[in-house]
Amino acid sequence: MTPAADSVLAVADWRRRTAATYAHVRELAVDDPAAAHAAWVRDRDEMFATHPASALGDAGRASFTGLDVAPYDPAFRFEVEVQPAPEGRLDVATGTDGVVPFERVGLVELDGLGTLGLWALRSYGGGLFVPLKDSSAGQAGGTYGGGRYLLDTIKGADLGQTAGGRLVLDLNFAYNPSCAYDPAWACPLAPPDNTLAVPLPVGERAPEKHLVAEL
């Protein structure tokens, strides 16, 4: 098998395992969102430590003891109705996939925190995308400067909907994009619509320096 095939198959398996993790998360969260979050943290730690498609390089894996994730706080779990939004487009240039287009398809209100745009990938495969950035981004002890992801359904990160059709947005599941650990990755970052003016003390924190690969 060629190295290129190895890489593609590894990424496919990463997405397969991510989708399985989130399916388990959705099942557990019906009765116990905190237990669902603990299972998510365990699965991500295992994948980062052992999976061939991990964003960690050899040096990062050698010193890896787990991702820095804040304790679960139920106050940051929301079930929201998607509201209409003005038209918007986000074209993201990447090194490998060309320009990736997103279209804003709605807005969601997070009580006491602000609003986030709901984006749809307008290329093959589709998918919902909710990045977010908070006021602690790039600050000492805060979150990753480029923002984090909450939903990215084409890659399996999907917290689901309620029986009544409300979208589940649990900010405890906010995670860093791959480019936070290795700048060789090209990642869509949070646009102004998805930037909150308050700090978010939950989810995955900015990676420790020893886990970040150098260009």
N, C-alpha and C. Protein backbone atom coordinates (compact mmCIF):
# COMPACT_ATOMS: atom_id res chain seq x y z
N MET A 1 0.85 -1.20 0.00
CA MET A 1 0.00 0.00 0.00
C MET A 1 0.88 1.25 0.00
N THR A 2 0.51 2.25 -0.78
CA THR A 2 1.31 3.47 -0.87
C THR A 2 1.11 4.34 0.35
N PRO A 3 2.08 5.24 0.65
CA PRO A 3 1.90 6.17 1.78
C PRO A 3 0.65 7.02 1.63
N ALA A 4 0.32 7.43 0.38
CA ALA A 4 -0.88 8.25 0.17
C ALA A 4 -2.13 7.49 0.57
N ALA A 5 -2.19 6.20 0.18
CA ALA A 5 -3.36 5.39 0.56
C ALA A 5 -3.44 5.20 2.06
N ASP A 6 -2.27 4.97 2.69
CA ASP A 6 -2.24 4.85 4.15
C ASP A 6 -2.84 6.07 4.82
N SER A 7 -2.46 7.26 4.32
CA SER A 7 -2.93 8.50 4.92
C SER A 7 -4.43 8.67 4.76
N VAL A 8 -4.94 8.40 3.56
CA VAL A 8 -6.37 8.55 3.30
C VAL A 8 -7.18 7.59 4.15
N LEU A 9 -6.71 6.34 4.25
CA LEU A 9 -7.43 5.36 5.05
C LEU A 9 -7.40 5.70 6.54
N ALA A 10 -6.29 6.27 6.98
CA ALA A 10 -6.20 6.67 8.39
C ALA A 10 -7.19 7.78 8.70
N VAL A 11 -7.30 8.77 7.82
CA VAL A 11 -8.25 9.86 8.04
C VAL A 11 -9.68 9.33 8.00
N ALA A 12 -9.96 8.40 7.07
CA ALA A 12 -11.30 7.81 7.00
C ALA A 12 -11.64 7.08 8.30
N ASP A 13 -10.66 6.37 8.86
CA ASP A 13 -10.91 5.66 10.11
C ASP A 13 -11.08 6.63 11.27
N TRP A 14 -10.33 7.74 11.27
CA TRP A 14 -10.49 8.76 12.31
C TRP A 14 -11.93 9.28 12.29
N ARG A 15 -12.43 9.57 11.10
CA ARG A 15 -13.80 10.09 11.01
C ARG A 15 -14.81 9.03 11.42
N ARG A 16 -14.55 7.78 11.07
CA ARG A 16 -15.44 6.69 11.45
C ARG A 16 -15.50 6.55 12.97
N ARG A 17 -14.36 6.61 13.61
CA ARG A 17 -14.32 6.49 15.07
C ARG A 17 -14.91 7.72 15.74
N THR A 18 -14.69 8.90 15.15
CA THR A 18 -15.30 10.12 15.70
C THR A 18 -16.82 10.03 15.64
N ALA A 19 -17.35 9.56 14.51
CA ALA A 19 -18.80 9.42 14.37
C ALA A 19 -19.34 8.43 15.41
N ALA A 20 -18.61 7.34 15.66
CA ALA A 20 -19.04 6.36 16.65
C ALA A 20 -19.02 6.96 18.06
N THR A 21 -18.01 7.76 18.34
CA THR A 21 -17.94 8.43 19.65
C THR A 21 -19.15 9.33 19.86
N TYR A 22 -19.48 10.13 18.84
CA TYR A 22 -20.60 11.06 19.00
C TYR A 22 -21.94 10.33 19.04
N ALA A 23 -22.05 9.19 18.37
CA ALA A 23 -23.28 8.40 18.49
C ALA A 23 -23.45 7.93 19.93
N HIS A 24 -22.36 7.52 20.56
CA HIS A 24 -22.40 7.09 21.96
C HIS A 24 -22.71 8.29 22.86
N VAL A 25 -22.12 9.44 22.55
CA VAL A 25 -22.37 10.66 23.31
C VAL A 25 -23.86 11.01 23.28
N ARG A 26 -24.46 10.97 22.10
CA ARG A 26 -25.88 11.33 22.00
C ARG A 26 -26.76 10.38 22.81
N GLU A 27 -26.40 9.10 22.80
CA GLU A 27 -27.17 8.11 23.56
C GLU A 27 -27.04 8.36 25.06
N LEU A 28 -25.82 8.56 25.54
CA LEU A 28 -25.61 8.79 26.97
C LEU A 28 -26.22 10.10 27.44
N ALA A 29 -26.15 11.13 26.59
CA ALA A 29 -26.56 12.47 27.01
C ALA A 29 -28.05 12.58 27.28
N VAL A 30 -28.84 11.64 26.78
CA VAL A 30 -30.29 11.67 27.06
C VAL A 30 -30.54 11.65 28.56
N ASP A 31 -29.77 10.85 29.29
CA ASP A 31 -29.95 10.72 30.74
C ASP A 31 -28.85 11.38 31.56
N ASP A 32 -27.64 11.49 30.99
CA ASP A 32 -26.51 11.96 31.78
C ASP A 32 -25.48 12.67 30.90
N PRO A 33 -25.68 13.96 30.62
CA PRO A 33 -24.75 14.69 29.77
C PRO A 33 -23.32 14.69 30.31
N ALA A 34 -23.14 14.69 31.63
CA ALA A 34 -21.79 14.69 32.19
C ALA A 34 -21.08 13.37 31.88
N ALA A 35 -21.79 12.25 31.96
CA ALA A 35 -21.20 10.96 31.62
C ALA A 35 -20.86 10.91 30.13
N ALA A 36 -21.72 11.51 29.31
CA ALA A 36 -21.44 11.58 27.87
C ALA A 36 -20.15 12.36 27.61
N HIS A 37 -19.98 13.45 28.34
CA HIS A 37 -18.78 14.27 28.18
C HIS A 37 -17.54 13.50 28.62
N ALA A 38 -17.63 12.78 29.72
CA ALA A 38 -16.49 11.99 30.20
C ALA A 38 -16.10 10.93 29.18
N ALA A 39 -17.08 10.30 28.54
CA ALA A 39 -16.79 9.29 27.51
C ALA A 39 -16.11 9.94 26.31
N TRP A 40 -16.57 11.13 25.93
CA TRP A 40 -15.97 11.88 24.81
C TRP A 40 -14.51 12.22 25.10
N VAL A 41 -14.23 12.67 26.31
CA VAL A 41 -12.86 13.01 26.68
C VAL A 41 -11.97 11.76 26.60
N ARG A 42 -12.45 10.65 27.13
CA ARG A 42 -11.66 9.41 27.09
C ARG A 42 -11.36 8.97 25.66
N ASP A 43 -12.38 9.01 24.81
CA ASP A 43 -12.18 8.58 23.43
C ASP A 43 -11.20 9.49 22.69
N ARG A 44 -11.32 10.80 22.90
CA ARG A 44 -10.41 11.72 22.21
C ARG A 44 -8.98 11.54 22.71
N ASP A 45 -8.82 11.35 24.00
CA ASP A 45 -7.47 11.11 24.53
C ASP A 45 -6.85 9.86 23.90
N GLU A 46 -7.62 8.80 23.80
CA GLU A 46 -7.10 7.56 23.21
C GLU A 46 -6.73 7.76 21.75
N MET A 47 -7.59 8.45 21.00
CA MET A 47 -7.31 8.66 19.59
C MET A 47 -6.09 9.55 19.39
N PHE A 48 -5.99 10.62 20.17
CA PHE A 48 -4.83 11.50 20.03
C PHE A 48 -3.54 10.76 20.36
N ALA A 49 -3.60 9.84 21.32
CA ALA A 49 -2.40 9.14 21.75
C ALA A 49 -1.98 8.04 20.80
N THR A 50 -2.96 7.39 20.12
CA THR A 50 -2.63 6.16 19.41
C THR A 50 -2.96 6.15 17.92
N HIS A 51 -3.83 7.00 17.47
CA HIS A 51 -4.34 6.87 16.10
C HIS A 51 -3.35 7.44 15.09
N PRO A 52 -3.17 6.78 13.94
CA PRO A 52 -2.23 7.29 12.93
C PRO A 52 -2.62 8.63 12.32
N ALA A 53 -3.89 9.02 12.42
CA ALA A 53 -4.32 10.32 11.91
C ALA A 53 -4.36 11.40 12.99
N SER A 54 -3.80 11.13 14.15
CA SER A 54 -3.76 12.12 15.22
C SER A 54 -3.04 13.38 14.75
N ALA A 55 -3.52 14.53 15.22
CA ALA A 55 -2.86 15.80 14.87
C ALA A 55 -1.54 15.97 15.59
N LEU A 56 -1.25 15.11 16.57
CA LEU A 56 0.02 15.20 17.30
C LEU A 56 1.15 14.56 16.50
N GLY A 57 2.29 15.21 16.50
CA GLY A 57 3.47 14.62 15.91
C GLY A 57 4.13 13.63 16.86
N ASP A 58 5.25 13.08 16.45
CA ASP A 58 5.93 12.09 17.29
C ASP A 58 6.32 12.67 18.65
N ALA A 59 6.83 13.90 18.64
CA ALA A 59 7.26 14.52 19.90
C ALA A 59 6.07 14.77 20.81
N GLY A 60 4.97 15.22 20.23
CA GLY A 60 3.77 15.47 21.02
C GLY A 60 3.22 14.20 21.63
N ARG A 61 3.22 13.12 20.87
CA ARG A 61 2.70 11.85 21.40
C ARG A 61 3.59 11.33 22.53
N ALA A 62 4.88 11.54 22.40
CA ALA A 62 5.80 11.02 23.41
C ALA A 62 5.56 11.66 24.77
N SER A 63 5.07 12.91 24.79
CA SER A 63 4.85 13.60 26.06
C SER A 63 3.36 13.75 26.40
N PHE A 64 2.49 13.10 25.63
CA PHE A 64 1.05 13.29 25.78
C PHE A 64 0.51 12.52 26.98
N THR A 65 -0.23 13.22 27.83
CA THR A 65 -0.89 12.57 28.97
C THR A 65 -2.39 12.85 28.99
N GLY A 66 -2.90 13.49 27.97
CA GLY A 66 -4.33 13.81 27.90
C GLY A 66 -4.56 15.25 27.51
N LEU A 67 -5.67 15.50 26.83
CA LEU A 67 -6.02 16.85 26.44
C LEU A 67 -6.47 17.66 27.66
N ASP A 68 -6.24 18.96 27.62
CA ASP A 68 -6.63 19.84 28.72
C ASP A 68 -8.08 20.27 28.51
N VAL A 69 -8.99 19.59 29.19
CA VAL A 69 -10.42 19.84 29.04
C VAL A 69 -11.00 20.23 30.40
N ALA A 70 -11.78 21.29 30.42
CA ALA A 70 -12.39 21.76 31.67
C ALA A 70 -13.44 20.78 32.18
N PRO A 71 -13.68 20.75 33.48
CA PRO A 71 -14.75 19.90 34.03
C PRO A 71 -16.10 20.26 33.43
N TYR A 72 -16.98 19.29 33.38
CA TYR A 72 -18.31 19.51 32.79
C TYR A 72 -19.12 20.48 33.64
N ASP A 73 -19.79 21.42 32.94
CA ASP A 73 -20.66 22.39 33.59
C ASP A 73 -21.99 22.41 32.86
N PRO A 74 -23.08 21.90 33.48
CA PRO A 74 -24.36 21.81 32.78
C PRO A 74 -24.96 23.15 32.38
N ALA A 75 -24.46 24.24 32.96
CA ALA A 75 -24.98 25.57 32.60
C ALA A 75 -24.67 25.94 31.16
N PHE A 76 -23.73 25.23 30.54
CA PHE A 76 -23.33 25.57 29.18
C PHE A 76 -23.89 24.60 28.14
N ARG A 77 -24.93 23.87 28.52
CA ARG A 77 -25.64 23.01 27.57
C ARG A 77 -26.94 23.69 27.16
N PHE A 78 -27.17 23.80 25.86
CA PHE A 78 -28.34 24.51 25.33
C PHE A 78 -29.08 23.63 24.33
N GLU A 79 -30.39 23.78 24.33
CA GLU A 79 -31.25 23.20 23.30
C GLU A 79 -31.96 24.38 22.65
N VAL A 80 -31.64 24.66 21.39
CA VAL A 80 -32.02 25.93 20.79
C VAL A 80 -32.80 25.74 19.49
N GLU A 81 -33.66 26.70 19.22
CA GLU A 81 -34.32 26.77 17.92
C GLU A 81 -33.42 27.56 16.96
N VAL A 82 -33.35 27.12 15.74
CA VAL A 82 -32.57 27.83 14.73
C VAL A 82 -33.43 28.96 14.18
N GLN A 83 -32.89 30.18 14.26
CA GLN A 83 -33.60 31.36 13.80
C GLN A 83 -33.12 31.74 12.40
N PRO A 84 -33.98 32.46 11.63
CA PRO A 84 -33.55 32.92 10.31
C PRO A 84 -32.33 33.84 10.44
N ALA A 85 -31.53 33.86 9.38
CA ALA A 85 -30.32 34.69 9.38
C ALA A 85 -30.17 35.35 8.02
N PRO A 86 -29.56 36.54 7.98
CA PRO A 86 -29.26 37.15 6.69
C PRO A 86 -28.29 36.26 5.92
N GLU A 87 -28.34 36.36 4.61
CA GLU A 87 -27.45 35.57 3.78
C GLU A 87 -26.00 35.89 4.12
N GLY A 88 -25.19 34.86 4.09
CA GLY A 88 -23.77 35.05 4.33
C GLY A 88 -22.99 33.91 3.73
N ARG A 89 -21.77 34.18 3.33
CA ARG A 89 -20.93 33.15 2.71
C ARG A 89 -19.53 33.26 3.31
N LEU A 90 -18.94 32.11 3.51
CA LEU A 90 -17.59 32.02 4.05
C LEU A 90 -16.79 31.12 3.12
N ASP A 91 -15.80 31.68 2.44
CA ASP A 91 -14.94 30.91 1.53
C ASP A 91 -13.59 30.73 2.20
N VAL A 92 -13.25 29.49 2.46
CA VAL A 92 -12.04 29.17 3.21
C VAL A 92 -11.01 28.55 2.28
N ALA A 93 -9.89 29.23 2.13
CA ALA A 93 -8.82 28.70 1.30
C ALA A 93 -8.03 27.67 2.09
N THR A 94 -7.80 26.50 1.48
CA THR A 94 -7.00 25.46 2.12
C THR A 94 -5.87 25.04 1.18
N GLY A 95 -4.85 24.44 1.76
CA GLY A 95 -3.71 24.04 0.94
C GLY A 95 -3.98 22.81 0.12
N THR A 96 -4.96 21.98 0.52
CA THR A 96 -5.17 20.71 -0.17
C THR A 96 -6.52 20.61 -0.86
N ASP A 97 -7.54 21.34 -0.37
CA ASP A 97 -8.89 21.19 -0.90
C ASP A 97 -9.37 22.40 -1.69
N GLY A 98 -8.48 23.32 -2.00
CA GLY A 98 -8.89 24.53 -2.69
C GLY A 98 -9.71 25.42 -1.77
N VAL A 99 -10.68 26.14 -2.33
CA VAL A 99 -11.55 27.01 -1.55
C VAL A 99 -12.78 26.22 -1.12
N VAL A 100 -13.01 26.16 0.18
CA VAL A 100 -14.14 25.41 0.72
C VAL A 100 -15.25 26.41 1.07
N PRO A 101 -16.43 26.29 0.44
CA PRO A 101 -17.50 27.28 0.65
C PRO A 101 -18.47 26.88 1.76
N PHE A 102 -18.81 27.85 2.60
CA PHE A 102 -19.85 27.68 3.61
C PHE A 102 -20.91 28.76 3.42
N GLU A 103 -22.15 28.42 3.71
CA GLU A 103 -23.25 29.38 3.63
C GLU A 103 -23.94 29.45 4.99
N ARG A 104 -24.19 30.68 5.46
CA ARG A 104 -24.90 30.83 6.73
C ARG A 104 -26.38 30.50 6.52
N VAL A 105 -26.89 29.55 7.31
CA VAL A 105 -28.27 29.10 7.13
C VAL A 105 -29.16 29.41 8.34
N GLY A 106 -28.57 29.95 9.40
CA GLY A 106 -29.38 30.29 10.57
C GLY A 106 -28.54 30.89 11.67
N LEU A 107 -29.23 31.35 12.70
CA LEU A 107 -28.60 31.87 13.91
C LEU A 107 -29.19 31.15 15.12
N VAL A 108 -28.38 30.97 16.14
CA VAL A 108 -28.86 30.38 17.38
C VAL A 108 -28.50 31.30 18.53
N GLU A 109 -29.44 31.46 19.46
CA GLU A 109 -29.26 32.34 20.62
C GLU A 109 -28.89 31.50 21.83
N LEU A 110 -27.76 31.85 22.45
CA LEU A 110 -27.33 31.19 23.68
C LEU A 110 -27.57 32.15 24.83
N ASP A 111 -28.51 31.82 25.67
CA ASP A 111 -28.96 32.73 26.72
C ASP A 111 -27.79 33.21 27.58
N GLY A 112 -27.61 34.53 27.63
CA GLY A 112 -26.57 35.14 28.44
C GLY A 112 -25.20 35.18 27.80
N LEU A 113 -25.04 34.55 26.63
CA LEU A 113 -23.72 34.49 25.98
C LEU A 113 -23.67 35.23 24.65
N GLY A 114 -24.75 35.19 23.89
CA GLY A 114 -24.75 35.83 22.58
C GLY A 114 -25.29 34.88 21.53
N THR A 115 -25.03 35.18 20.27
CA THR A 115 -25.52 34.37 19.15
C THR A 115 -24.36 33.75 18.39
N LEU A 116 -24.68 32.64 17.73
CA LEU A 116 -23.72 31.98 16.86
C LEU A 116 -24.37 31.73 15.51
N GLY A 117 -23.59 31.84 14.45
CA GLY A 117 -24.07 31.49 13.13
C GLY A 117 -24.01 29.99 12.92
N LEU A 118 -25.01 29.48 12.21
CA LEU A 118 -25.04 28.08 11.80
C LEU A 118 -24.70 28.04 10.32
N TRP A 119 -23.64 27.31 9.99
CA TRP A 119 -23.12 27.30 8.62
C TRP A 119 -23.32 25.93 7.99
N ALA A 120 -23.54 25.92 6.68
CA ALA A 120 -23.67 24.68 5.94
C ALA A 120 -22.56 24.61 4.91
N LEU A 121 -21.90 23.47 4.84
CA LEU A 121 -20.86 23.26 3.84
C LEU A 121 -21.54 23.07 2.48
N ARG A 122 -21.20 23.91 1.53
CA ARG A 122 -21.83 23.87 0.21
C ARG A 122 -20.90 23.24 -0.82
N SER A 123 -20.41 22.07 -0.49
CA SER A 123 -19.65 21.28 -1.44
C SER A 123 -19.99 19.83 -1.18
N TYR A 124 -19.36 18.90 -1.85
CA TYR A 124 -19.74 17.50 -1.79
C TYR A 124 -19.79 16.99 -0.35
N GLY A 125 -20.89 16.36 0.00
CA GLY A 125 -21.03 15.81 1.35
C GLY A 125 -21.85 16.67 2.27
N GLY A 126 -21.88 17.99 2.06
CA GLY A 126 -22.66 18.88 2.92
C GLY A 126 -22.21 18.83 4.36
N GLY A 127 -23.12 19.18 5.25
CA GLY A 127 -22.80 19.13 6.67
C GLY A 127 -22.99 20.46 7.36
N LEU A 128 -23.31 20.42 8.65
CA LEU A 128 -23.44 21.62 9.48
C LEU A 128 -22.12 21.92 10.17
N PHE A 129 -21.84 23.20 10.32
CA PHE A 129 -20.57 23.63 10.90
C PHE A 129 -20.83 24.78 11.85
N VAL A 130 -20.44 24.61 13.12
CA VAL A 130 -20.55 25.68 14.11
C VAL A 130 -19.20 25.85 14.79
N PRO A 131 -18.39 26.78 14.29
CA PRO A 131 -17.17 27.16 15.02
C PRO A 131 -17.53 28.20 16.06
N LEU A 132 -16.66 28.42 17.02
CA LEU A 132 -16.90 29.50 17.98
C LEU A 132 -15.58 29.98 18.56
N LYS A 133 -15.60 31.25 18.91
CA LYS A 133 -14.45 31.90 19.52
C LYS A 133 -14.97 32.73 20.68
N ASP A 134 -14.23 32.77 21.78
CA ASP A 134 -14.68 33.54 22.93
C ASP A 134 -13.62 34.57 23.32
N SER A 135 -13.93 35.39 24.31
CA SER A 135 -13.05 36.51 24.64
C SER A 135 -11.74 36.06 25.28
N SER A 136 -11.65 34.81 25.69
CA SER A 136 -10.38 34.33 26.27
C SER A 136 -9.44 33.76 25.21
N ALA A 137 -9.87 33.73 23.95
CA ALA A 137 -9.05 33.15 22.88
C ALA A 137 -7.72 33.89 22.76
N GLY A 138 -6.65 33.13 22.80
CA GLY A 138 -5.32 33.71 22.67
C GLY A 138 -4.76 34.29 23.94
N GLN A 139 -5.55 34.27 25.04
CA GLN A 139 -5.08 34.81 26.31
C GLN A 139 -4.47 33.69 27.17
N ALA A 140 -3.59 34.07 28.07
CA ALA A 140 -2.98 33.09 28.97
C ALA A 140 -4.05 32.36 29.76
N GLY A 141 -4.00 31.04 29.74
CA GLY A 141 -4.99 30.24 30.44
C GLY A 141 -6.32 30.15 29.74
N GLY A 142 -6.42 30.69 28.53
CA GLY A 142 -7.69 30.71 27.80
C GLY A 142 -7.77 29.64 26.73
N THR A 143 -8.53 29.95 25.70
CA THR A 143 -8.76 29.00 24.62
C THR A 143 -7.87 29.32 23.42
N TYR A 144 -7.85 28.40 22.47
CA TYR A 144 -7.00 28.55 21.29
C TYR A 144 -7.34 29.84 20.54
N GLY A 145 -6.31 30.55 20.11
CA GLY A 145 -6.50 31.87 19.52
C GLY A 145 -7.35 31.89 18.27
N GLY A 146 -7.35 30.81 17.50
CA GLY A 146 -8.14 30.77 16.28
C GLY A 146 -9.58 30.35 16.49
N GLY A 147 -9.93 30.00 17.73
CA GLY A 147 -11.27 29.52 18.02
C GLY A 147 -11.35 28.00 18.01
N ARG A 148 -12.53 27.51 18.34
CA ARG A 148 -12.73 26.06 18.44
C ARG A 148 -13.93 25.64 17.59
N TYR A 149 -14.16 24.33 17.52
CA TYR A 149 -15.32 23.79 16.81
C TYR A 149 -16.28 23.20 17.83
N LEU A 150 -17.57 23.35 17.56
CA LEU A 150 -18.61 22.73 18.37
C LEU A 150 -19.31 21.62 17.59
N LEU A 151 -19.73 21.94 16.36
CA LEU A 151 -20.30 20.96 15.44
C LEU A 151 -19.53 20.99 14.14
N ASP A 152 -19.29 19.82 13.59
CA ASP A 152 -18.72 19.67 12.25
C ASP A 152 -19.20 18.31 11.76
N THR A 153 -20.47 18.28 11.32
CA THR A 153 -21.13 17.00 11.13
C THR A 153 -20.54 16.17 10.01
N ILE A 154 -19.94 16.79 9.01
CA ILE A 154 -19.35 16.00 7.94
C ILE A 154 -18.18 15.16 8.46
N LYS A 155 -17.59 15.57 9.58
CA LYS A 155 -16.50 14.82 10.19
C LYS A 155 -16.97 14.04 11.42
N GLY A 156 -18.29 13.99 11.63
CA GLY A 156 -18.84 13.17 12.69
C GLY A 156 -19.16 13.88 13.98
N ALA A 157 -18.75 15.14 14.14
CA ALA A 157 -18.99 15.88 15.38
C ALA A 157 -20.41 16.45 15.37
N ASP A 158 -21.33 15.69 15.95
CA ASP A 158 -22.76 16.00 15.84
C ASP A 158 -23.43 15.67 17.17
N LEU A 159 -23.92 16.69 17.87
CA LEU A 159 -24.56 16.50 19.17
C LEU A 159 -26.05 16.23 19.06
N GLY A 160 -26.61 16.29 17.84
CA GLY A 160 -27.98 15.88 17.60
C GLY A 160 -29.03 16.95 17.86
N GLN A 161 -30.28 16.50 17.84
CA GLN A 161 -31.44 17.36 18.08
C GLN A 161 -32.36 16.68 19.08
N THR A 162 -33.21 17.49 19.72
CA THR A 162 -34.21 16.96 20.63
C THR A 162 -35.38 16.39 19.83
N ALA A 163 -36.28 15.69 20.53
CA ALA A 163 -37.47 15.14 19.87
C ALA A 163 -38.32 16.26 19.27
N GLY A 164 -38.22 17.45 19.83
CA GLY A 164 -38.98 18.59 19.32
C GLY A 164 -38.27 19.35 18.22
N GLY A 165 -37.11 18.89 17.81
CA GLY A 165 -36.40 19.51 16.70
C GLY A 165 -35.42 20.60 17.08
N ARG A 166 -35.21 20.82 18.38
CA ARG A 166 -34.23 21.82 18.80
C ARG A 166 -32.82 21.26 18.64
N LEU A 167 -31.90 22.14 18.28
CA LEU A 167 -30.51 21.76 18.08
C LEU A 167 -29.80 21.74 19.43
N VAL A 168 -29.05 20.68 19.69
CA VAL A 168 -28.27 20.58 20.92
C VAL A 168 -26.91 21.22 20.71
N LEU A 169 -26.62 22.23 21.52
CA LEU A 169 -25.32 22.90 21.50
C LEU A 169 -24.77 22.88 22.92
N ASP A 170 -23.89 21.95 23.18
CA ASP A 170 -23.29 21.81 24.50
C ASP A 170 -21.85 22.30 24.40
N LEU A 171 -21.59 23.48 24.96
CA LEU A 171 -20.28 24.11 24.79
C LEU A 171 -19.17 23.36 25.52
N ASN A 172 -19.54 22.44 26.39
CA ASN A 172 -18.53 21.59 27.04
C ASN A 172 -17.80 20.73 26.02
N PHE A 173 -18.40 20.53 24.85
CA PHE A 173 -17.81 19.70 23.81
C PHE A 173 -17.02 20.53 22.77
N ALA A 174 -16.78 21.80 23.04
CA ALA A 174 -15.96 22.62 22.13
C ALA A 174 -14.54 22.06 22.09
N TYR A 175 -14.02 21.86 20.89
CA TYR A 175 -12.70 21.24 20.75
C TYR A 175 -11.84 22.02 19.77
N ASN A 176 -10.54 21.86 19.92
CA ASN A 176 -9.60 22.57 19.07
C ASN A 176 -9.51 21.94 17.68
N PRO A 177 -9.40 22.76 16.63
CA PRO A 177 -9.15 22.20 15.31
C PRO A 177 -7.74 21.63 15.23
N SER A 178 -7.49 20.82 14.22
CA SER A 178 -6.19 20.15 14.09
C SER A 178 -5.05 21.15 13.98
N CYS A 179 -5.31 22.33 13.38
CA CYS A 179 -4.24 23.31 13.19
C CYS A 179 -3.75 23.88 14.52
N ALA A 180 -4.51 23.70 15.61
CA ALA A 180 -4.03 24.15 16.91
C ALA A 180 -2.84 23.32 17.38
N TYR A 181 -2.75 22.08 16.88
CA TYR A 181 -1.68 21.17 17.28
C TYR A 181 -0.58 21.06 16.22
N ASP A 182 -0.94 21.31 14.98
CA ASP A 182 0.04 21.22 13.90
C ASP A 182 -0.33 22.26 12.84
N PRO A 183 0.45 23.34 12.70
CA PRO A 183 0.10 24.40 11.76
C PRO A 183 0.16 23.97 10.30
N ALA A 184 0.60 22.75 10.03
CA ALA A 184 0.57 22.25 8.66
C ALA A 184 -0.87 21.98 8.19
N TRP A 185 -1.80 21.81 9.15
CA TRP A 185 -3.20 21.63 8.80
C TRP A 185 -3.82 22.98 8.45
N ALA A 186 -4.74 23.00 7.50
CA ALA A 186 -5.49 24.21 7.15
C ALA A 186 -6.91 24.05 7.69
N CYS A 187 -7.33 24.94 8.58
CA CYS A 187 -8.63 24.80 9.25
C CYS A 187 -9.47 26.06 9.07
N PRO A 188 -10.76 25.92 8.78
CA PRO A 188 -11.65 27.09 8.82
C PRO A 188 -11.72 27.61 10.25
N LEU A 189 -11.57 28.91 10.42
CA LEU A 189 -11.61 29.51 11.76
C LEU A 189 -12.92 30.28 11.94
N ALA A 190 -13.22 30.60 13.18
CA ALA A 190 -14.50 31.23 13.51
C ALA A 190 -14.59 32.63 12.90
N PRO A 191 -15.64 32.92 12.12
CA PRO A 191 -15.85 34.27 11.59
C PRO A 191 -16.45 35.17 12.67
N PRO A 192 -16.59 36.47 12.40
CA PRO A 192 -17.16 37.39 13.40
C PRO A 192 -18.52 36.94 13.93
N ASP A 193 -19.36 36.35 13.08
CA ASP A 193 -20.68 35.89 13.52
C ASP A 193 -20.59 34.85 14.63
N ASN A 194 -19.48 34.19 14.72
CA ASN A 194 -19.33 33.10 15.68
C ASN A 194 -18.33 33.44 16.78
N THR A 195 -18.23 34.73 17.06
CA THR A 195 -17.33 35.22 18.10
C THR A 195 -18.16 35.80 19.25
N LEU A 196 -17.99 35.23 20.44
CA LEU A 196 -18.73 35.68 21.62
C LEU A 196 -17.88 36.67 22.42
N ALA A 197 -18.53 37.66 23.01
CA ALA A 197 -17.83 38.71 23.74
C ALA A 197 -17.57 38.35 25.19
N VAL A 198 -17.77 37.08 25.53
CA VAL A 198 -17.58 36.62 26.91
C VAL A 198 -16.62 35.43 26.91
N PRO A 199 -15.96 35.17 28.03
CA PRO A 199 -15.11 33.98 28.10
C PRO A 199 -15.95 32.72 28.27
N LEU A 200 -15.47 31.62 27.73
CA LEU A 200 -16.13 30.33 27.90
C LEU A 200 -15.18 29.42 28.68
N PRO A 201 -15.51 29.13 29.94
CA PRO A 201 -14.60 28.36 30.79
C PRO A 201 -14.76 26.85 30.64
N VAL A 202 -15.36 26.39 29.55
CA VAL A 202 -15.61 24.96 29.36
C VAL A 202 -15.03 24.50 28.03
N GLY A 203 -14.97 23.18 27.88
CA GLY A 203 -14.43 22.60 26.65
C GLY A 203 -12.92 22.47 26.70
N GLU A 204 -12.38 22.20 25.53
CA GLU A 204 -10.94 21.98 25.41
C GLU A 204 -10.20 23.32 25.44
N ARG A 205 -9.21 23.40 26.31
CA ARG A 205 -8.42 24.63 26.41
C ARG A 205 -7.32 24.65 25.36
N ALA A 206 -6.63 25.79 25.26
CA ALA A 206 -5.52 25.91 24.30
C ALA A 206 -4.49 24.82 24.58
N PRO A 207 -3.91 24.23 23.54
CA PRO A 207 -2.95 23.15 23.76
C PRO A 207 -1.68 23.64 24.44
N GLU A 208 -1.12 22.77 25.26
CA GLU A 208 0.16 23.08 25.88
C GLU A 208 1.25 23.11 24.81
N LYS A 209 2.25 23.96 25.03
CA LYS A 209 3.26 24.20 24.00
C LYS A 209 3.97 22.94 23.55
N HIS A 210 4.19 22.01 24.48
CA HIS A 210 4.94 20.81 24.12
C HIS A 210 4.16 19.89 23.18
N LEU A 211 2.86 20.14 23.01
CA LEU A 211 2.06 19.32 22.10
C LEU A 211 1.98 19.91 20.70
N VAL A 212 2.43 21.13 20.50
CA VAL A 212 2.29 21.82 19.23
C VAL A 212 3.53 21.60 18.37
N ALA A 213 3.32 21.10 17.16
CA ALA A 213 4.43 20.85 16.24
C ALA A 213 4.94 22.17 15.68
N GLU A 214 6.22 22.22 15.37
CA GLU A 214 6.82 23.39 14.75
C GLU A 214 6.84 23.21 13.24
N LEU A 215 6.64 24.31 12.52
CA LEU A 215 6.70 24.26 11.07
C LEU A 215 8.13 23.97 10.60
